[in-house]
Protein backbone atom coordinates (compact mmCIF):
# COMPACT_ATOMS: atom_id res chain seq x y z
CA MET A 1 11.35 80.91 2.17
CA SER A 2 7.88 79.83 1.12
CA ASP A 3 6.72 77.01 -1.08
CA ASN A 4 3.37 75.74 -2.27
CA GLY A 5 1.92 72.95 -4.30
CA GLY A 6 1.37 75.19 -7.32
CA GLU A 7 5.03 76.17 -7.71
CA PRO A 8 5.66 74.32 -11.03
CA GLU A 9 2.58 75.93 -12.61
CA ALA A 10 3.53 79.34 -11.21
CA THR A 11 7.04 79.00 -12.60
CA ALA A 12 5.71 78.08 -16.03
CA ARG A 13 3.41 81.10 -16.05
CA LEU A 14 6.25 83.41 -15.06
CA GLN A 15 8.59 82.06 -17.74
CA LYS A 16 5.85 82.59 -20.33
CA LEU A 17 5.56 86.20 -19.13
CA PHE A 18 9.23 86.79 -19.93
CA GLU A 19 9.27 84.98 -23.28
CA GLY A 20 9.53 87.14 -26.37
CA HIS A 21 11.25 90.03 -24.59
CA ARG A 22 14.87 90.96 -25.29
CA LEU A 23 16.18 91.37 -21.77
CA THR A 24 19.57 92.72 -20.80
CA PRO A 25 21.85 90.59 -18.60
CA THR A 26 20.73 92.61 -15.56
CA GLN A 27 17.08 92.12 -16.48
CA ARG A 28 17.62 88.40 -16.98
CA ARG A 29 19.08 88.30 -13.48
CA ILE A 30 15.92 89.93 -12.13
CA ALA A 31 13.72 87.54 -14.12
CA HIS A 32 15.66 84.59 -12.74
CA CYS A 33 15.15 85.91 -9.20
CA VAL A 34 11.40 86.35 -9.76
CA VAL A 35 11.11 82.77 -11.05
CA ARG A 36 13.19 81.38 -8.20
CA ARG A 37 11.12 83.29 -5.61
CA ALA A 38 7.79 82.75 -7.36
CA ALA A 39 5.79 82.45 -4.14
CA ASP A 40 7.28 85.62 -2.62
CA ALA A 41 7.61 87.81 -5.72
CA PRO A 42 4.04 89.27 -5.66
CA PHE A 43 4.70 90.69 -2.20
CA LEU A 44 8.19 92.12 -2.71
CA SER A 45 8.82 95.82 -3.03
CA SER A 46 11.09 97.03 -5.81
CA VAL A 47 13.81 97.65 -3.23
CA GLU A 48 13.48 94.12 -1.80
CA LEU A 49 13.52 92.54 -5.27
CA ALA A 50 16.59 94.61 -6.16
CA GLU A 51 18.40 93.39 -3.05
CA LEU A 52 17.52 89.76 -3.74
CA ALA A 53 18.64 90.02 -7.37
CA GLY A 54 21.77 92.00 -6.52
CA VAL A 55 20.83 94.93 -8.78
CA SER A 56 19.80 98.54 -8.31
CA GLN A 57 16.23 99.64 -7.65
CA PRO A 58 16.05 101.64 -10.93
CA SER A 59 17.01 98.43 -12.75
CA VAL A 60 13.86 96.78 -11.35
CA THR A 61 11.77 99.67 -12.66
CA ARG A 62 13.38 99.41 -16.10
CA PHE A 63 12.75 95.66 -16.01
CA ALA A 64 9.03 96.23 -15.46
CA VAL A 65 8.90 98.75 -18.32
CA ALA A 66 10.77 96.33 -20.61
CA LEU A 67 7.97 93.82 -19.99
CA GLY A 68 5.37 96.37 -21.10
CA PHE A 69 4.17 97.67 -17.72
CA ASP A 70 3.93 101.31 -16.64
CA GLY A 71 6.19 100.59 -13.68
CA TYR A 72 6.94 98.07 -10.98
CA PRO A 73 3.62 98.47 -9.09
CA ALA A 74 1.76 97.42 -12.25
CA LEU A 75 4.07 94.42 -12.67
CA ARG A 76 3.55 93.39 -9.05
CA ARG A 77 -0.24 93.57 -9.46
CA HIS A 78 0.10 91.33 -12.50
CA LEU A 79 2.26 88.89 -10.55
CA ARG A 80 -0.46 88.58 -7.93
CA GLU A 81 -2.84 87.55 -10.69
CA VAL A 82 -0.60 85.00 -12.40
CA VAL A 83 0.96 83.59 -9.22
CA PRO A 84 -1.93 83.04 -6.80
CA THR A 85 -0.87 82.24 -3.25
CA THR A 86 -2.86 81.08 -0.25
CA ALA A 87 -1.42 83.62 2.16
CA GLU A 88 1.11 86.38 2.34
CA PRO A 89 4.46 84.96 3.49
CA GLY A 90 5.36 85.64 7.08
CA GLU A 91 8.64 85.82 8.91
CA SER A 92 10.74 82.70 8.66
CA SER A 93 11.85 80.94 11.82
CA TYR A 94 15.00 79.66 10.09
CA ASN A 95 18.47 81.07 10.70
CA GLU A 96 20.59 82.05 7.71
CA TYR A 97 22.23 78.62 7.41
CA GLN A 98 18.89 76.82 7.52
CA GLU A 99 17.55 79.28 4.93
CA ALA A 100 20.38 78.31 2.59
CA VAL A 101 19.60 74.60 3.02
CA GLN A 102 15.88 75.22 2.57
CA ALA A 103 16.59 77.16 -0.63
CA GLU A 104 18.46 74.16 -2.01
CA ILE A 105 15.58 71.87 -1.05
CA ASP A 106 13.26 74.20 -2.97
CA ASN A 107 15.64 74.09 -5.95
CA LEU A 108 15.60 70.29 -5.89
CA ARG A 109 11.79 70.26 -5.72
CA HIS A 110 11.69 72.53 -8.74
CA LEU A 111 14.12 70.26 -10.59
CA ALA A 112 11.91 67.27 -9.78
CA SER A 113 8.92 69.08 -11.26
CA LEU A 114 10.84 69.83 -14.46
CA LEU A 115 11.82 66.16 -14.77
CA ALA A 116 8.14 65.21 -14.89
CA ASP A 117 8.74 65.45 -18.63
CA PRO A 118 11.76 63.14 -19.10
CA GLU A 119 12.13 63.63 -22.85
CA PRO A 120 14.62 66.57 -22.80
CA VAL A 121 16.98 64.62 -20.53
CA ALA A 122 16.48 61.41 -22.52
CA ARG A 123 17.25 63.29 -25.73
CA ALA A 124 20.38 64.75 -24.13
CA GLY A 125 21.45 61.26 -23.02
CA ARG A 126 21.17 59.97 -26.58
CA LEU A 127 23.21 62.90 -27.93
CA LEU A 128 25.95 62.38 -25.35
CA ALA A 129 26.09 58.63 -25.95
CA ARG A 130 26.50 59.06 -29.71
CA SER A 131 29.32 61.61 -29.51
CA ARG A 132 32.76 59.98 -29.82
CA PRO A 133 34.65 61.68 -28.26
CA LEU A 134 32.45 63.58 -25.81
CA PRO A 135 33.90 66.97 -24.75
CA VAL A 136 32.64 68.24 -21.38
CA LEU A 137 33.14 71.94 -20.69
CA GLY A 138 33.09 73.69 -17.31
CA LEU A 139 35.10 76.72 -16.22
CA ARG A 140 35.48 78.55 -12.91
CA ALA A 141 32.44 77.84 -10.68
CA ALA A 142 31.27 75.07 -13.01
CA THR A 143 34.58 73.21 -13.05
CA ALA A 144 33.56 70.85 -10.26
CA GLN A 145 30.29 69.95 -11.99
CA ALA A 146 32.05 69.19 -15.29
CA ALA A 147 34.83 67.22 -13.58
CA GLY A 148 32.35 65.15 -11.57
CA PHE A 149 30.38 64.29 -14.68
CA ALA A 150 33.53 63.42 -16.65
CA TYR A 151 34.87 61.21 -13.83
CA PHE A 152 31.81 58.95 -13.83
CA ALA A 153 31.14 59.20 -17.57
CA ARG A 154 34.56 57.71 -18.33
CA LYS A 155 33.46 54.48 -16.65
CA VAL A 156 30.86 53.87 -19.37
CA HIS A 157 31.74 56.13 -22.32
CA PRO A 158 34.81 55.21 -24.41
CA ASP A 159 36.18 58.74 -24.86
CA VAL A 160 35.34 61.66 -22.55
CA ARG A 161 37.44 64.84 -22.77
CA LEU A 162 37.25 67.33 -19.91
CA LEU A 163 37.65 70.98 -20.97
CA ASP A 164 38.27 72.76 -17.66
CA GLU A 165 40.87 75.36 -18.65
CA GLY A 166 40.11 78.55 -20.52
CA GLY A 167 42.42 80.74 -22.52
CA THR A 168 43.65 80.41 -26.08
CA LEU A 169 43.94 76.61 -25.91
CA LEU A 170 40.21 76.11 -25.41
CA ALA A 171 39.35 76.54 -29.10
CA ASP A 172 42.24 74.21 -29.98
CA ARG A 173 40.77 71.49 -27.76
CA VAL A 174 37.34 71.95 -29.32
CA ASP A 175 38.98 71.64 -32.76
CA ALA A 176 40.74 68.44 -31.67
CA ALA A 177 37.46 66.93 -30.47
CA VAL A 178 35.74 67.80 -33.74
CA ARG A 179 38.59 66.27 -35.78
CA ALA A 180 38.32 63.10 -33.71
CA GLY A 181 34.61 62.80 -34.55
CA ALA A 182 32.75 64.59 -31.73
CA SER A 183 29.15 65.52 -32.52
CA THR A 184 28.00 66.95 -29.17
CA LEU A 185 29.52 69.12 -26.45
CA LEU A 186 28.18 69.09 -22.90
CA CYS A 187 28.58 72.34 -20.96
CA PHE A 188 28.02 73.12 -17.29
CA ALA A 189 27.47 76.88 -16.94
CA LEU A 190 26.98 78.53 -13.56
CA PRO A 191 27.10 82.16 -12.40
CA ARG A 192 29.00 84.26 -12.69
CA HIS A 193 29.14 83.24 -16.34
CA PRO A 194 32.65 83.62 -17.81
CA ARG A 195 32.73 85.39 -21.15
CA GLU A 196 35.00 82.68 -22.57
CA VAL A 197 32.35 80.02 -21.94
CA VAL A 198 29.85 81.96 -24.03
CA GLU A 199 32.47 82.44 -26.73
CA ALA A 200 33.46 78.76 -26.60
CA LEU A 201 29.86 77.63 -27.10
CA GLU A 202 29.43 80.00 -30.01
CA TYR A 203 32.63 78.63 -31.54
CA ALA A 204 31.64 75.00 -30.92
CA ARG A 205 28.30 75.44 -32.67
CA GLY A 206 30.06 77.16 -35.54
CA GLU A 207 32.24 74.05 -35.89
CA GLY A 208 29.14 71.86 -36.14
CA LEU A 209 28.81 70.59 -32.57
CA THR A 210 25.41 70.22 -30.91
CA VAL A 211 25.59 71.99 -27.54
CA VAL A 212 23.79 70.55 -24.49
CA THR A 213 24.00 72.91 -21.52
CA VAL A 214 23.19 72.57 -17.84
CA ALA A 215 22.69 76.14 -16.63
CA ASP A 216 21.22 77.90 -13.63
CA SER A 217 18.34 79.41 -15.61
CA THR A 218 16.70 79.57 -19.02
CA PHE A 219 17.68 83.25 -18.91
CA ALA A 220 21.41 82.49 -18.57
CA PRO A 221 23.72 84.16 -21.13
CA VAL A 222 24.61 80.74 -22.57
CA ALA A 223 21.00 80.02 -23.54
CA ARG A 224 21.16 81.47 -27.04
CA HIS A 225 24.31 79.46 -27.78
CA SER A 226 22.78 76.13 -26.68
CA ASP A 227 20.79 73.66 -28.74
CA LEU A 228 19.34 72.01 -25.65
CA LEU A 229 19.39 73.83 -22.31
CA LEU A 230 18.48 72.02 -19.08
CA PRO A 231 17.92 74.42 -16.17
CA ALA A 232 18.83 73.72 -12.54
CA ALA A 233 18.78 76.63 -10.13
CA VAL A 234 21.63 77.55 -7.79
CA GLY A 235 21.29 78.77 -4.22
CA THR A 236 22.31 82.36 -3.58
CA GLY A 237 21.75 82.68 0.17
CA LEU A 238 25.39 82.27 1.19
CA ALA A 239 28.54 84.20 0.30
CA PHE A 240 29.21 81.66 -2.47
CA ASP A 241 26.50 80.05 -4.60
CA THR A 242 25.46 76.47 -3.87
CA ALA A 243 24.86 74.07 -6.75
CA CYS A 244 23.12 70.93 -5.50
CA ALA A 245 20.52 70.94 -8.28
CA PRO A 246 23.05 71.26 -11.16
CA MET A 247 25.10 68.45 -9.60
CA LEU A 248 22.05 66.19 -9.34
CA LEU A 249 20.97 67.05 -12.88
CA GLY A 250 24.45 65.99 -14.02
CA ARG A 251 23.92 62.59 -12.39
CA VAL A 252 20.52 62.30 -14.05
CA LEU A 253 22.21 63.01 -17.39
CA LEU A 254 24.70 60.24 -16.64
CA GLU A 255 21.81 57.84 -16.07
CA ALA A 256 20.20 58.90 -19.35
CA MET A 257 23.50 58.43 -21.17
CA CYS A 258 23.94 54.96 -19.66
CA ASP A 259 20.44 54.07 -20.86
CA ALA A 260 21.52 55.03 -24.39
CA LEU A 261 24.82 53.10 -24.27
CA PRO A 262 24.19 49.39 -24.94
CA ASP A 263 27.46 48.30 -23.32
CA ALA A 264 27.28 50.57 -20.26
CA GLN A 265 26.44 47.77 -17.81
CA ALA A 266 29.21 45.53 -19.18
CA ARG A 267 31.74 48.37 -18.78
CA LEU A 268 30.65 48.95 -15.19
CA GLU A 269 30.95 45.25 -14.35
CA GLU A 270 34.40 45.14 -15.98
CA PHE A 271 35.51 48.12 -13.90
CA ASP A 272 34.18 46.56 -10.68
CA ALA A 273 36.03 43.30 -11.40
CA LYS A 274 39.32 45.08 -12.05
CA ALA A 275 38.87 47.31 -9.00
CA ALA A 276 38.33 44.26 -6.81
CA ALA A 277 41.38 42.50 -8.27
CA ARG A 278 43.55 45.55 -7.58
CA GLY A 279 42.13 46.11 -4.11
CA LEU A 280 41.27 49.63 -5.24
CA PHE A 281 38.69 50.41 -2.56
CA VAL A 282 38.65 49.77 1.18
CA GLU A 283 35.54 47.85 2.16
């Protein structure tokens, strides 16, 4: 796993390369992999890229053609121009567990670079603070992220509603939030993306809600159903994805929401006083 000081700039150039192209879900998966492995991508064969993205080799070829290249070799030559590197990556000395940890460190570095512009998160914080109630959606792999956000958000926000169950009741719960005055829905969306999450976001926007989404990539299927999408990559080196960056981005959103809530500090102090009186925590 390689990393260099120009990673944020390389990522921006790669994302610009993919903008304006209607990519299939498989092609978005490849694009996400190329962005995540920006330093390595110019040196990967089509077979290696296919393995990393979890797709077939012909899918990589079709991806290159969809971007306007004659084939994958032409795309790889272009990648070497737009993503300059100091040296070709060598063999890693890490074992597979260390590789997974290193991948998450790289994801966190990338998140830090994105937060160099704080305005998207600050805007999201203001939207979340104004919504009364605030519905928070997360299904399947994203349930833990949504539940963690909702747990802490309830300490400062007067009405947080966790939507962590799919099925026919999901639209009913969105309707209930809208009737109660909700203006924004926060969604955590992680792969593999459940169809009902995409449908729920489409429905929520149709009912007038502004959708703020934390997703693994700007190429995620939920992107076109989100008013404000904040990307945080997941690790894919283990049997099950790791989501340190989405979790941390959720905490950053909590901070931004607290900044936008004038009584947040008073609520926290009130909670601490009651917790101490009840002996809630063991010191």
